[in-house]
Amino acid sequence: MRTSLHSFGYKFSGYFMEYGPLEAESLDAAKAQIRQRLGVNRLPQGLQVWDLAERPITRWRVATAS
């Protein structure tokens, strides 16, 4: 039996860009996917990972010059 997938977002400490969504069964599985994408054994210090059901990814807009 397969559990439902959740969508997760992540953000590096000190940066304003938020990345995602990535689909995973749990927060730990999402962190494992991020480690695999980055090609590291440990996640960078201060990396934030959250469930998008709790808070969506912030979309940034560039203000147009007048």
N, C-alpha and C. Protein backbone atom coordinates (compact mmCIF):
# COMPACT_ATOMS: atom_id res chain seq x y z
N MET A 1 0.84 -1.18 0.00
CA MET A 1 0.00 0.00 0.00
C MET A 1 0.88 1.25 0.00
N ARG A 2 0.56 2.18 -0.82
CA ARG A 2 1.37 3.39 -0.98
C ARG A 2 0.68 4.56 -0.28
N THR A 3 1.47 5.34 0.45
CA THR A 3 0.93 6.52 1.10
C THR A 3 0.88 7.67 0.11
N SER A 4 0.07 8.67 0.42
CA SER A 4 -0.05 9.81 -0.50
C SER A 4 1.20 10.68 -0.44
N LEU A 5 1.49 11.32 -1.55
CA LEU A 5 2.65 12.19 -1.63
C LEU A 5 2.26 13.61 -1.22
N HIS A 6 3.20 14.29 -0.60
CA HIS A 6 3.02 15.67 -0.21
C HIS A 6 4.00 16.51 -1.03
N SER A 7 3.71 17.79 -1.16
CA SER A 7 4.60 18.71 -1.85
C SER A 7 5.40 19.50 -0.81
N PHE A 8 6.69 19.65 -1.06
CA PHE A 8 7.58 20.36 -0.14
C PHE A 8 8.33 21.45 -0.89
N GLY A 9 8.68 22.50 -0.16
CA GLY A 9 9.52 23.56 -0.67
C GLY A 9 10.75 23.67 0.21
N TYR A 10 11.79 24.32 -0.31
CA TYR A 10 13.00 24.51 0.51
C TYR A 10 13.68 25.82 0.16
N LYS A 11 14.46 26.31 1.11
CA LYS A 11 15.14 27.60 0.97
C LYS A 11 16.48 27.52 1.69
N PHE A 12 17.51 28.06 1.07
CA PHE A 12 18.83 28.11 1.69
C PHE A 12 18.91 29.30 2.63
N SER A 13 19.65 29.16 3.70
CA SER A 13 19.83 30.22 4.68
C SER A 13 20.51 31.41 4.04
N GLY A 14 19.95 32.59 4.28
CA GLY A 14 20.55 33.82 3.76
C GLY A 14 20.14 34.18 2.34
N TYR A 15 19.31 33.37 1.69
CA TYR A 15 18.86 33.64 0.33
C TYR A 15 17.36 33.88 0.33
N PHE A 16 16.86 34.67 -0.63
CA PHE A 16 15.43 34.94 -0.69
C PHE A 16 14.69 33.97 -1.61
N MET A 17 15.40 33.28 -2.52
CA MET A 17 14.75 32.35 -3.45
C MET A 17 14.26 31.11 -2.72
N GLU A 18 13.05 30.68 -3.06
CA GLU A 18 12.49 29.44 -2.52
C GLU A 18 12.33 28.47 -3.67
N TYR A 19 12.65 27.20 -3.42
CA TYR A 19 12.65 26.18 -4.46
C TYR A 19 11.58 25.14 -4.18
N GLY A 20 11.12 24.49 -5.24
CA GLY A 20 10.14 23.43 -5.12
C GLY A 20 9.13 23.59 -6.24
N PRO A 21 8.09 22.88 -6.23
CA PRO A 21 7.78 21.83 -5.26
C PRO A 21 8.48 20.52 -5.62
N LEU A 22 8.72 19.72 -4.60
CA LEU A 22 9.16 18.36 -4.83
C LEU A 22 8.22 17.44 -4.08
N GLU A 23 7.92 16.31 -4.70
CA GLU A 23 6.95 15.37 -4.16
C GLU A 23 7.67 14.31 -3.33
N ALA A 24 7.17 14.07 -2.11
CA ALA A 24 7.75 13.05 -1.23
C ALA A 24 6.68 12.58 -0.25
N GLU A 25 6.92 11.41 0.33
CA GLU A 25 5.97 10.84 1.28
C GLU A 25 6.04 11.51 2.65
N SER A 26 7.23 12.03 3.00
CA SER A 26 7.41 12.64 4.32
C SER A 26 8.50 13.71 4.25
N LEU A 27 8.64 14.44 5.35
CA LEU A 27 9.68 15.46 5.42
C LEU A 27 11.07 14.84 5.29
N ASP A 28 11.28 13.70 5.93
CA ASP A 28 12.59 13.03 5.84
C ASP A 28 12.89 12.58 4.41
N ALA A 29 11.86 12.10 3.70
CA ALA A 29 12.05 11.69 2.30
C ALA A 29 12.35 12.91 1.43
N ALA A 30 11.72 14.05 1.72
CA ALA A 30 12.00 15.28 0.98
C ALA A 30 13.44 15.72 1.21
N LYS A 31 13.91 15.65 2.44
CA LYS A 31 15.29 16.02 2.74
C LYS A 31 16.27 15.09 2.03
N ALA A 32 15.93 13.81 1.94
CA ALA A 32 16.79 12.86 1.22
C ALA A 32 16.85 13.21 -0.27
N GLN A 33 15.72 13.63 -0.86
CA GLN A 33 15.72 14.05 -2.26
C GLN A 33 16.58 15.29 -2.47
N ILE A 34 16.51 16.23 -1.54
CA ILE A 34 17.32 17.45 -1.66
C ILE A 34 18.80 17.11 -1.56
N ARG A 35 19.18 16.23 -0.62
CA ARG A 35 20.58 15.80 -0.52
C ARG A 35 21.04 15.17 -1.83
N GLN A 36 20.18 14.36 -2.43
CA GLN A 36 20.53 13.70 -3.69
C GLN A 36 20.68 14.73 -4.81
N ARG A 37 19.77 15.71 -4.90
CA ARG A 37 19.86 16.75 -5.92
C ARG A 37 21.14 17.57 -5.79
N LEU A 38 21.51 17.86 -4.53
CA LEU A 38 22.71 18.67 -4.29
C LEU A 38 23.99 17.86 -4.36
N GLY A 39 23.87 16.54 -4.27
CA GLY A 39 25.04 15.67 -4.31
C GLY A 39 25.87 15.74 -3.05
N VAL A 40 25.20 15.87 -1.89
CA VAL A 40 25.89 15.97 -0.60
C VAL A 40 25.37 14.91 0.36
N ASN A 41 26.17 14.62 1.39
CA ASN A 41 25.74 13.67 2.41
C ASN A 41 24.96 14.33 3.53
N ARG A 42 25.26 15.62 3.76
CA ARG A 42 24.57 16.38 4.81
C ARG A 42 24.00 17.65 4.21
N LEU A 43 22.81 18.02 4.65
CA LEU A 43 22.20 19.25 4.17
C LEU A 43 22.95 20.46 4.70
N PRO A 44 23.00 21.54 3.92
CA PRO A 44 23.67 22.76 4.40
C PRO A 44 23.01 23.29 5.67
N GLN A 45 23.80 23.86 6.55
CA GLN A 45 23.29 24.41 7.79
C GLN A 45 22.30 25.54 7.49
N GLY A 46 21.18 25.54 8.17
CA GLY A 46 20.17 26.58 8.01
C GLY A 46 19.18 26.35 6.88
N LEU A 47 19.30 25.23 6.15
CA LEU A 47 18.35 24.94 5.08
C LEU A 47 16.97 24.74 5.69
N GLN A 48 15.98 25.41 5.12
CA GLN A 48 14.60 25.29 5.60
C GLN A 48 13.81 24.44 4.63
N VAL A 49 13.07 23.45 5.15
CA VAL A 49 12.21 22.59 4.34
C VAL A 49 10.84 22.61 4.98
N TRP A 50 9.78 22.78 4.18
CA TRP A 50 8.43 22.83 4.74
C TRP A 50 7.43 22.19 3.78
N ASP A 51 6.29 21.80 4.35
CA ASP A 51 5.18 21.23 3.59
C ASP A 51 4.41 22.39 2.95
N LEU A 52 4.19 22.32 1.66
CA LEU A 52 3.51 23.40 0.96
C LEU A 52 2.04 23.52 1.34
N ALA A 53 1.48 22.50 1.98
CA ALA A 53 0.11 22.59 2.48
C ALA A 53 0.03 23.58 3.64
N GLU A 54 1.13 23.73 4.37
CA GLU A 54 1.18 24.67 5.50
C GLU A 54 1.52 26.08 5.06
N ARG A 55 2.43 26.21 4.08
CA ARG A 55 2.83 27.52 3.58
C ARG A 55 3.30 27.37 2.14
N PRO A 56 2.65 28.07 1.21
CA PRO A 56 3.07 27.96 -0.20
C PRO A 56 4.41 28.66 -0.45
N ILE A 57 5.00 28.37 -1.60
CA ILE A 57 6.24 29.02 -2.01
C ILE A 57 5.92 30.48 -2.33
N THR A 58 6.77 31.37 -1.87
CA THR A 58 6.61 32.80 -2.15
C THR A 58 7.07 33.07 -3.57
N ARG A 59 6.22 33.69 -4.34
CA ARG A 59 6.58 34.06 -5.72
C ARG A 59 7.08 35.49 -5.71
N TRP A 60 8.27 35.70 -6.23
CA TRP A 60 8.88 37.03 -6.23
C TRP A 60 8.58 37.72 -7.53
N ARG A 61 8.31 39.01 -7.45
CA ARG A 61 8.05 39.82 -8.64
C ARG A 61 9.04 40.99 -8.66
N VAL A 62 9.54 41.30 -9.83
CA VAL A 62 10.44 42.42 -9.98
C VAL A 62 9.59 43.66 -10.24
N ALA A 63 9.80 44.69 -9.47
CA ALA A 63 9.06 45.93 -9.66
C ALA A 63 9.48 46.58 -10.96
N THR A 64 8.53 47.07 -11.71
CA THR A 64 8.85 47.73 -12.98
C THR A 64 9.33 49.15 -12.72
N ALA A 65 10.32 49.56 -13.46
CA ALA A 65 10.86 50.92 -13.31
C ALA A 65 9.92 51.92 -13.96
N SER A 66 9.80 53.08 -13.36
CA SER A 66 8.90 54.09 -13.94
C SER A 66 9.64 55.07 -14.81
